[in-house]
PDB file of N, CA and C in Angstrom:
ATOM      1  N   MET A   1      17.347   2.770   1.123  1.00  0.00           N
ATOM      2  CA  MET A   1      18.595   2.980   1.842  1.00  0.00           C
ATOM      3  C   MET A   1      19.765   3.135   0.831  1.00  0.00           C
ATOM      4  N   GLU A   2      19.688   2.315  -0.191  1.00  0.00           N
ATOM      5  CA  GLU A   2      20.764   2.340  -1.198  1.00  0.00           C
ATOM      6  C   GLU A   2      20.786   3.703  -1.880  1.00  0.00           C
ATOM      7  N   ASN A   3      19.585   4.222  -2.211  1.00  0.00           N
ATOM      8  CA  ASN A   3      19.485   5.539  -2.838  1.00  0.00           C
ATOM      9  C   ASN A   3      20.070   6.613  -1.959  1.00  0.00           C
ATOM     10  N   LEU A   4      19.807   6.529  -0.657  1.00  0.00           N
ATOM     11  CA  LEU A   4      20.326   7.505   0.259  1.00  0.00           C
ATOM     12  C   LEU A   4      21.872   7.444   0.365  1.00  0.00           C
ATOM     13  N   GLU A   5      22.405   6.242   0.300  1.00  0.00           N
ATOM     14  CA  GLU A   5      23.841   6.110   0.287  1.00  0.00           C
ATOM     15  C   GLU A   5      24.481   6.699  -0.937  1.00  0.00           C
ATOM     16  N   ASN A   6      23.800   6.519  -2.093  1.00  0.00           N
ATOM     17  CA  ASN A   6      24.284   7.122  -3.360  1.00  0.00           C
ATOM     18  C   ASN A   6      24.296   8.642  -3.255  1.00  0.00           C
ATOM     19  N   ILE A   7      23.263   9.182  -2.658  1.00  0.00           N
ATOM     20  CA  ILE A   7      23.176  10.666  -2.499  1.00  0.00           C
ATOM     21  C   ILE A   7      24.317  11.128  -1.625  1.00  0.00           C
ATOM     22  N   LYS A   8      24.541  10.405  -0.552  1.00  0.00           N
ATOM     23  CA  LYS A   8      25.570  10.771   0.398  1.00  0.00           C
ATOM     24  C   LYS A   8      26.942  10.787  -0.294  1.00  0.00           C
ATOM     25  N   ASN A   9      27.176   9.817  -1.143  1.00  0.00           N
ATOM     26  CA  ASN A   9      28.491   9.700  -1.816  1.00  0.00           C
ATOM     27  C   ASN A   9      28.613  10.517  -3.066  1.00  0.00           C
ATOM     28  N   SER A  10      27.523  11.089  -3.520  1.00  0.00           N
ATOM     29  CA  SER A  10      27.576  11.837  -4.767  1.00  0.00           C
ATOM     30  C   SER A  10      26.689  13.106  -4.687  1.00  0.00           C
ATOM     31  N   PRO A  11      27.206  14.205  -4.194  1.00  0.00           N
ATOM     32  CA  PRO A  11      26.410  15.429  -3.998  1.00  0.00           C
ATOM     33  C   PRO A  11      25.697  15.922  -5.255  1.00  0.00           C
ATOM     34  N   GLU A  12      26.256  15.658  -6.429  1.00  0.00           N
ATOM     35  CA  GLU A  12      25.621  16.144  -7.666  1.00  0.00           C
ATOM     36  C   GLU A  12      24.303  15.434  -7.967  1.00  0.00           C
ATOM     37  N   LYS A  13      24.144  14.235  -7.447  1.00  0.00           N
ATOM     38  CA  LYS A  13      22.904  13.492  -7.617  1.00  0.00           C
ATOM     39  C   LYS A  13      21.831  13.891  -6.594  1.00  0.00           C
ATOM     40  N   PHE A  14      22.233  14.669  -5.587  1.00  0.00           N
ATOM     41  CA  PHE A  14      21.349  14.948  -4.472  1.00  0.00           C
ATOM     42  C   PHE A  14      20.001  15.525  -4.891  1.00  0.00           C
ATOM     43  N   LYS A  15      20.014  16.594  -5.730  1.00  0.00           N
ATOM     44  CA  LYS A  15      18.784  17.227  -6.065  1.00  0.00           C
ATOM     45  C   LYS A  15      17.812  16.284  -6.803  1.00  0.00           C
ATOM     46  N   MET A  16      18.339  15.546  -7.767  1.00  0.00           N
ATOM     47  CA  MET A  16      17.512  14.644  -8.549  1.00  0.00           C
ATOM     48  C   MET A  16      16.958  13.510  -7.672  1.00  0.00           C
ATOM     49  N   GLU A  17      17.799  12.902  -6.885  1.00  0.00           N
ATOM     50  CA  GLU A  17      17.379  11.795  -6.032  1.00  0.00           C
ATOM     51  C   GLU A  17      16.409  12.260  -4.957  1.00  0.00           C
ATOM     52  N   PHE A  18      16.664  13.425  -4.403  1.00  0.00           N
ATOM     53  CA  PHE A  18      15.787  13.991  -3.365  1.00  0.00           C
ATOM     54  C   PHE A  18      14.375  14.171  -3.913  1.00  0.00           C
ATOM     55  N   ARG A  19      14.246  14.732  -5.112  1.00  0.00           N
ATOM     56  CA  ARG A  19      12.955  14.918  -5.752  1.00  0.00           C
ATOM     57  C   ARG A  19      12.245  13.561  -5.964  1.00  0.00           C
ATOM     58  N   ARG A  20      13.015  12.570  -6.414  1.00  0.00           N
ATOM     59  CA  ARG A  20      12.474  11.277  -6.661  1.00  0.00           C
ATOM     60  C   ARG A  20      11.941  10.624  -5.371  1.00  0.00           C
ATOM     61  N   ILE A  21      12.699  10.754  -4.301  1.00  0.00           N
ATOM     62  CA  ILE A  21      12.282  10.180  -3.003  1.00  0.00           C
ATOM     63  C   ILE A  21      11.034  10.920  -2.496  1.00  0.00           C
ATOM     64  N   VAL A  22      10.971  12.228  -2.664  1.00  0.00           N
ATOM     65  CA  VAL A  22       9.799  12.967  -2.219  1.00  0.00           C
ATOM     66  C   VAL A  22       8.567  12.533  -3.032  1.00  0.00           C
ATOM     67  N   MET A  23       8.736  12.302  -4.331  1.00  0.00           N
ATOM     68  CA  MET A  23       7.595  11.842  -5.141  1.00  0.00           C
ATOM     69  C   MET A  23       7.133  10.439  -4.712  1.00  0.00           C
ATOM     70  N   LEU A  24       8.113   9.586  -4.381  1.00  0.00           N
ATOM     71  CA  LEU A  24       7.710   8.244  -3.885  1.00  0.00           C
ATOM     72  C   LEU A  24       6.898   8.314  -2.581  1.00  0.00           C
ATOM     73  N   LEU A  25       7.364   9.197  -1.703  1.00  0.00           N
ATOM     74  CA  LEU A  25       6.649   9.358  -0.407  1.00  0.00           C
ATOM     75  C   LEU A  25       5.258   9.933  -0.642  1.00  0.00           C
ATOM     76  N   LYS A  26       5.091  10.896  -1.550  1.00  0.00           N
ATOM     77  CA  LYS A  26       3.784  11.472  -1.846  1.00  0.00           C
ATOM     78  C   LYS A  26       2.876  10.402  -2.439  1.00  0.00           C
ATOM     79  N   LYS A  27       3.441   9.577  -3.329  1.00  0.00           N
ATOM     80  CA  LYS A  27       2.633   8.530  -3.938  1.00  0.00           C
ATOM     81  C   LYS A  27       2.133   7.528  -2.868  1.00  0.00           C
ATOM     82  N   GLU A  28       2.999   7.187  -1.957  1.00  0.00           N
ATOM     83  CA  GLU A  28       2.626   6.284  -0.883  1.00  0.00           C
ATOM     84  C   GLU A  28       1.512   6.901  -0.013  1.00  0.00           C
ATOM     85  N   ASN A  29       1.629   8.147   0.294  1.00  0.00           N
ATOM     86  CA  ASN A  29       0.630   8.878   1.092  1.00  0.00           C
ATOM     87  C   ASN A  29      -0.713   8.910   0.340  1.00  0.00           C
ATOM     88  N   ALA A  30      -0.662   9.156  -0.982  1.00  0.00           N
ATOM     89  CA  ALA A  30      -1.895   9.175  -1.758  1.00  0.00           C
ATOM     90  C   ALA A  30      -2.545   7.800  -1.795  1.00  0.00           C
ATOM     91  N   SER A  31      -1.739   6.756  -1.862  1.00  0.00           N
ATOM     92  CA  SER A  31      -2.351   5.411  -1.910  1.00  0.00           C
ATOM     93  C   SER A  31      -2.985   5.059  -0.569  1.00  0.00           C
ATOM     94  N   ASP A  32      -2.416   5.570   0.523  1.00  0.00           N
ATOM     95  CA  ASP A  32      -3.034   5.374   1.862  1.00  0.00           C
ATOM     96  C   ASP A  32      -4.379   6.067   1.915  1.00  0.00           C
ATOM     97  N   LYS A  33      -4.507   7.248   1.360  1.00  0.00           N
ATOM     98  CA  LYS A  33      -5.778   7.981   1.334  1.00  0.00           C
ATOM     99  C   LYS A  33      -6.783   7.228   0.475  1.00  0.00           C
ATOM    100  N   ASP A  34      -6.354   6.726  -0.678  1.00  0.00           N
ATOM    101  CA  ASP A  34      -7.196   5.929  -1.549  1.00  0.00           C
ATOM    102  C   ASP A  34      -7.711   4.675  -0.826  1.00  0.00           C
ATOM    103  N   TRP A  35      -6.816   4.053  -0.038  1.00  0.00           N
ATOM    104  CA  TRP A  35      -7.178   2.860   0.693  1.00  0.00           C
ATOM    105  C   TRP A  35      -8.283   3.144   1.703  1.00  0.00           C
ATOM    106  N   GLU A  36      -8.184   4.303   2.398  1.00  0.00           N
ATOM    107  CA  GLU A  36      -9.214   4.657   3.376  1.00  0.00           C
ATOM    108  C   GLU A  36     -10.570   4.828   2.706  1.00  0.00           C
ATOM    109  N   VAL A  37     -10.612   5.461   1.546  1.00  0.00           N
ATOM    110  CA  VAL A  37     -11.904   5.636   0.804  1.00  0.00           C
ATOM    111  C   VAL A  37     -12.400   4.258   0.383  1.00  0.00           C
ATOM    112  N   PHE A  38     -11.529   3.465  -0.172  1.00  0.00           N
ATOM    113  CA  PHE A  38     -11.923   2.118  -0.613  1.00  0.00           C
ATOM    114  C   PHE A  38     -12.438   1.318   0.549  1.00  0.00           C
ATOM    115  N   LYS A  39     -11.750   1.388   1.695  1.00  0.00           N
ATOM    116  CA  LYS A  39     -12.126   0.608   2.862  1.00  0.00           C
ATOM    117  C   LYS A  39     -13.516   0.990   3.360  1.00  0.00           C
ATOM    118  N   SER A  40     -13.850   2.252   3.317  1.00  0.00           N
ATOM    119  CA  SER A  40     -15.185   2.660   3.767  1.00  0.00           C
ATOM    120  C   SER A  40     -16.292   2.106   2.859  1.00  0.00           C
ATOM    121  N   TYR A  41     -16.072   2.193   1.524  1.00  0.00           N
ATOM    122  CA  TYR A  41     -17.056   1.649   0.601  1.00  0.00           C
ATOM    123  C   TYR A  41     -17.141   0.125   0.722  1.00  0.00           C
ATOM    124  N   PHE A  42     -15.996  -0.504   0.847  1.00  0.00           N
ATOM    125  CA  PHE A  42     -15.940  -1.969   0.964  1.00  0.00           C
ATOM    126  C   PHE A  42     -16.678  -2.406   2.213  1.00  0.00           C
ATOM    127  N   ALA A  43     -16.560  -1.689   3.350  1.00  0.00           N
ATOM    128  CA  ALA A  43     -17.218  -2.012   4.596  1.00  0.00           C
ATOM    129  C   ALA A  43     -18.741  -1.945   4.440  1.00  0.00           C
ATOM    130  N   GLU A  44     -19.188  -0.970   3.642  1.00  0.00           N
ATOM    131  CA  GLU A  44     -20.621  -0.846   3.411  1.00  0.00           C
ATOM    132  C   GLU A  44     -21.177  -2.010   2.607  1.00  0.00           C
ATOM    133  N   VAL A  45     -20.436  -2.421   1.595  1.00  0.00           N
ATOM    134  CA  VAL A  45     -20.896  -3.490   0.744  1.00  0.00           C
ATOM    135  C   VAL A  45     -20.770  -4.878   1.427  1.00  0.00           C
ATOM    136  N   HIS A  46     -19.670  -5.034   2.178  1.00  0.00           N
ATOM    137  CA  HIS A  46     -19.371  -6.357   2.789  1.00  0.00           C
ATOM    138  C   HIS A  46     -19.586  -6.348   4.321  1.00  0.00           C
ATOM    139  N   ASN A  47     -20.538  -5.555   4.776  1.00  0.00           N
ATOM    140  CA  ASN A  47     -20.980  -5.570   6.200  1.00  0.00           C
ATOM    141  C   ASN A  47     -19.839  -5.523   7.177  1.00  0.00           C
ATOM    142  N   ASP A  48     -19.060  -4.460   7.162  1.00  0.00           N
ATOM    143  CA  ASP A  48     -17.998  -4.230   8.119  1.00  0.00           C
ATOM    144  C   ASP A  48     -16.974  -5.357   8.166  1.00  0.00           C
ATOM    145  N   PHE A  49     -16.521  -5.775   7.007  1.00  0.00           N
ATOM    146  CA  PHE A  49     -15.554  -6.866   6.855  1.00  0.00           C
ATOM    147  C   PHE A  49     -14.322  -6.642   7.720  1.00  0.00           C
ATOM    148  N   ASP A  50     -13.769  -5.458   7.686  1.00  0.00           N
ATOM    149  CA  ASP A  50     -12.523  -5.202   8.436  1.00  0.00           C
ATOM    150  C   ASP A  50     -12.726  -5.352   9.929  1.00  0.00           C
ATOM    151  N   GLN A  51     -13.863  -4.886  10.438  1.00  0.00           N
ATOM    152  CA  GLN A  51     -14.167  -5.048  11.873  1.00  0.00           C
ATOM    153  C   GLN A  51     -14.333  -6.509  12.267  1.00  0.00           C
ATOM    154  N   LYS A  52     -14.956  -7.253  11.411  1.00  0.00           N
ATOM    155  CA  LYS A  52     -15.159  -8.704  11.689  1.00  0.00           C
ATOM    156  C   LYS A  52     -13.828  -9.453  11.687  1.00  0.00           C
ATOM    157  N   ILE A  53     -12.982  -9.131  10.765  1.00  0.00           N
ATOM    158  CA  ILE A  53     -11.707  -9.817  10.699  1.00  0.00           C
ATOM    159  C   ILE A  53     -10.782  -9.394  11.866  1.00  0.00           C
ATOM    160  N   LYS A  54     -10.941  -8.138  12.296  1.00  0.00           N
ATOM    161  CA  LYS A  54     -10.141  -7.663  13.461  1.00  0.00           C
ATOM    162  C   LYS A  54     -10.621  -8.385  14.723  1.00  0.00           C
ATOM    163  N   THR A  55     -11.927  -8.692  14.808  1.00  0.00           N
ATOM    164  CA  THR A  55     -12.455  -9.436  15.976  1.00  0.00           C
ATOM    165  C   THR A  55     -11.881 -10.848  16.016  1.00  0.00           C
ATOM    166  N   ILE A  56     -11.801 -11.447  14.863  1.00  0.00           N
ATOM    167  CA  ILE A  56     -11.278 -12.842  14.794  1.00  0.00           C
ATOM    168  C   ILE A  56      -9.773 -12.868  14.958  1.00  0.00           C
ATOM    169  N   TYR A  57      -9.059 -11.904  14.325  1.00  0.00           N
ATOM    170  CA  TYR A  57      -7.594 -11.817  14.382  1.00  0.00           C
ATOM    171  C   TYR A  57      -7.196 -10.426  14.873  1.00  0.00           C
ATOM    172  N   PRO A  58      -7.147 -10.237  16.179  1.00  0.00           N
ATOM    173  CA  PRO A  58      -6.884  -8.889  16.734  1.00  0.00           C
ATOM    174  C   PRO A  58      -5.511  -8.303  16.347  1.00  0.00           C
ATOM    175  N   ASP A  59      -4.537  -9.151  16.032  1.00  0.00           N
ATOM    176  CA  ASP A  59      -3.200  -8.663  15.720  1.00  0.00           C
ATOM    177  C   ASP A  59      -2.986  -8.438  14.213  1.00  0.00           C
ATOM    178  N   ILE A  60      -4.034  -8.505  13.406  1.00  0.00           N
ATOM    179  CA  ILE A  60      -3.882  -8.354  11.961  1.00  0.00           C
ATOM    180  C   ILE A  60      -3.466  -6.929  11.601  1.00  0.00           C
ATOM    181  N   SER A  61      -2.593  -6.813  10.613  1.00  0.00           N
ATOM    182  CA  SER A  61      -2.111  -5.476  10.201  1.00  0.00           C
ATOM    183  C   SER A  61      -2.999  -4.911   9.117  1.00  0.00           C
ATOM    184  N   GLU A  62      -2.865  -3.618   8.849  1.00  0.00           N
ATOM    185  CA  GLU A  62      -3.647  -2.976   7.796  1.00  0.00           C
ATOM    186  C   GLU A  62      -3.327  -3.605   6.417  1.00  0.00           C
ATOM    187  N   LYS A  63      -2.084  -3.923   6.184  1.00  0.00           N
ATOM    188  CA  LYS A  63      -1.717  -4.532   4.916  1.00  0.00           C
ATOM    189  C   LYS A  63      -2.335  -5.909   4.751  1.00  0.00           C
ATOM    190  N   GLU A  64      -2.426  -6.662   5.852  1.00  0.00           N
ATOM    191  CA  GLU A  64      -3.065  -7.961   5.752  1.00  0.00           C
ATOM    192  C   GLU A  64      -4.577  -7.818   5.532  1.00  0.00           C
ATOM    193  N   ILE A  65      -5.166  -6.811   6.132  1.00  0.00           N
ATOM    194  CA  ILE A  65      -6.612  -6.554   5.919  1.00  0.00           C
ATOM    195  C   ILE A  65      -6.844  -6.196   4.454  1.00  0.00           C
ATOM    196  N   ARG A  66      -5.956  -5.346   3.905  1.00  0.00           N
ATOM    197  CA  ARG A  66      -6.042  -4.974   2.515  1.00  0.00           C
ATOM    198  C   ARG A  66      -5.970  -6.176   1.624  1.00  0.00           C
ATOM    199  N   LEU A  67      -5.036  -7.110   1.880  1.00  0.00           N
ATOM    200  CA  LEU A  67      -4.923  -8.336   1.114  1.00  0.00           C
ATOM    201  C   LEU A  67      -6.155  -9.199   1.238  1.00  0.00           C
ATOM    202  N   ALA A  68      -6.687  -9.284   2.496  1.00  0.00           N
ATOM    203  CA  ALA A  68      -7.881 -10.080   2.699  1.00  0.00           C
ATOM    204  C   ALA A  68      -9.082  -9.503   1.958  1.00  0.00           C
ATOM    205  N   ALA A  69      -9.169  -8.180   1.896  1.00  0.00           N
ATOM    206  CA  ALA A  69     -10.243  -7.536   1.146  1.00  0.00           C
ATOM    207  C   ALA A  69     -10.155  -7.890  -0.357  1.00  0.00           C
ATOM    208  N   PHE A  70      -8.946  -7.826  -0.877  1.00  0.00           N
ATOM    209  CA  PHE A  70      -8.761  -8.176  -2.286  1.00  0.00           C
ATOM    210  C   PHE A  70      -9.146  -9.644  -2.560  1.00  0.00           C
ATOM    211  N   LEU A  71      -8.728 -10.499  -1.610  1.00  0.00           N
ATOM    212  CA  LEU A  71      -9.114 -11.905  -1.782  1.00  0.00           C
ATOM    213  C   LEU A  71     -10.596 -12.126  -1.675  1.00  0.00           C
ATOM    214  N   ARG A  72     -11.227 -11.365  -0.798  1.00  0.00           N
ATOM    215  CA  ARG A  72     -12.698 -11.411  -0.627  1.00  0.00           C
ATOM    216  C   ARG A  72     -13.391 -11.023  -1.940  1.00  0.00           C
ATOM    217  N   MET A  73     -12.757 -10.152  -2.690  1.00  0.00           N
ATOM    218  CA  MET A  73     -13.323  -9.695  -3.969  1.00  0.00           C
ATOM    219  C   MET A  73     -12.968 -10.655  -5.100  1.00  0.00           C
ATOM    220  N   ASN A  74     -12.343 -11.762  -4.757  1.00  0.00           N
ATOM    221  CA  ASN A  74     -11.929 -12.793  -5.720  1.00  0.00           C
ATOM    222  C   ASN A  74     -10.973 -12.279  -6.811  1.00  0.00           C
ATOM    223  N   LEU A  75     -10.086 -11.364  -6.444  1.00  0.00           N
ATOM    224  CA  LEU A  75      -9.108 -10.900  -7.347  1.00  0.00           C
ATOM    225  C   LEU A  75      -7.998 -11.942  -7.502  1.00  0.00           C
ATOM    226  N   THR A  76      -7.407 -12.027  -8.675  1.00  0.00           N
ATOM    227  CA  THR A  76      -6.268 -12.973  -8.896  1.00  0.00           C
ATOM    228  C   THR A  76      -4.997 -12.338  -8.322  1.00  0.00           C
ATOM    229  N   THR A  77      -3.982 -13.175  -8.255  1.00  0.00           N
ATOM    230  CA  THR A  77      -2.682 -12.699  -7.778  1.00  0.00           C
ATOM    231  C   THR A  77      -2.168 -11.583  -8.681  1.00  0.00           C
ATOM    232  N   LYS A  78      -2.332 -11.714  -9.951  1.00  0.00           N
ATOM    233  CA  LYS A  78      -1.869 -10.667 -10.922  1.00  0.00           C
ATOM    234  C   LYS A  78      -2.640  -9.393 -10.738  1.00  0.00           C
ATOM    235  N   GLU A  79      -3.915  -9.505 -10.501  1.00  0.00           N
ATOM    236  CA  GLU A  79      -4.731  -8.288 -10.315  1.00  0.00           C
ATOM    237  C   GLU A  79      -4.360  -7.559  -8.990  1.00  0.00           C
ATOM    238  N   ILE A  80      -4.132  -8.349  -7.967  1.00  0.00           N
ATOM    239  CA  ILE A  80      -3.715  -7.761  -6.682  1.00  0.00           C
ATOM    240  C   ILE A  80      -2.342  -7.105  -6.839  1.00  0.00           C
ATOM    241  N   ALA A  81      -1.439  -7.773  -7.502  1.00  0.00           N
ATOM    242  CA  ALA A  81      -0.085  -7.244  -7.720  1.00  0.00           C
ATOM    243  C   ALA A  81      -0.143  -5.922  -8.485  1.00  0.00           C
ATOM    244  N   ALA A  82      -0.976  -5.876  -9.508  1.00  0.00           N
ATOM    245  CA  ALA A  82      -1.125  -4.653 -10.318  1.00  0.00           C
ATOM    246  C   ALA A  82      -1.693  -3.530  -9.480  1.00  0.00           C
ATOM    247  N   THR A  83      -2.637  -3.834  -8.621  1.00  0.00           N
ATOM    248  CA  THR A  83      -3.266  -2.828  -7.746  1.00  0.00           C
ATOM    249  C   THR A  83      -2.267  -2.264  -6.731  1.00  0.00           C
ATOM    250  N   LEU A  84      -1.397  -3.098  -6.203  1.00  0.00           N
ATOM    251  CA  LEU A  84      -0.419  -2.731  -5.196  1.00  0.00           C
ATOM    252  C   LEU A  84       0.889  -2.294  -5.805  1.00  0.00           C
ATOM    253  N   ASN A  85       0.998  -2.289  -7.128  1.00  0.00           N
ATOM    254  CA  ASN A  85       2.239  -1.941  -7.824  1.00  0.00           C
ATOM    255  C   ASN A  85       3.462  -2.774  -7.346  1.00  0.00           C
ATOM    256  N   VAL A  86       3.253  -4.104  -7.272  1.00  0.00           N
ATOM    257  CA  VAL A  86       4.300  -5.026  -6.948  1.00  0.00           C
ATOM    258  C   VAL A  86       4.304  -6.147  -7.992  1.00  0.00           C
ATOM    259  N   LEU A  87       5.374  -6.939  -7.966  1.00  0.00           N
ATOM    260  CA  LEU A  87       5.441  -8.086  -8.864  1.00  0.00           C
ATOM    261  C   LEU A  87       4.548  -9.192  -8.349  1.00  0.00           C
ATOM    262  N   PRO A  88       3.965  -9.991  -9.208  1.00  0.00           N
ATOM    263  CA  PRO A  88       3.054 -11.051  -8.776  1.00  0.00           C
ATOM    264  C   PRO A  88       3.713 -12.087  -7.856  1.00  0.00           C
ATOM    265  N   ARG A  89       5.019 -12.240  -7.955  1.00  0.00           N
ATOM    266  CA  ARG A  89       5.717 -13.220  -7.118  1.00  0.00           C
ATOM    267  C   ARG A  89       5.566 -12.863  -5.694  1.00  0.00           C
TER     268      ARG A  89
END
C-alpha cells in the first residue's frame, strides 16, 4: 500500500515501481504453482497428509497446511523462513 501511495504522489517513479510490483505478483504466482507441485508429491509420500488434516481441522487455511507440511518434514524455523522468504521471527 505504501508503494502505491508513493507512485500516486510521484509520477516519475510510476514506471519503475509498477514493474517491481508486477514482478512481485509474478513471483507470488510462481510460488503458488511450486506449492501445488510440492503438495502433490508430499501427499504421495505422506499418505494424503493435507486431506487428513482438513478432516481434523476443516477451517484450516492453505498457508497453515503449508506450515504443517514443513513441520511434518521436521524443518527448523530458519529453514521454513528461508523457504517462505520471510524472517525467522
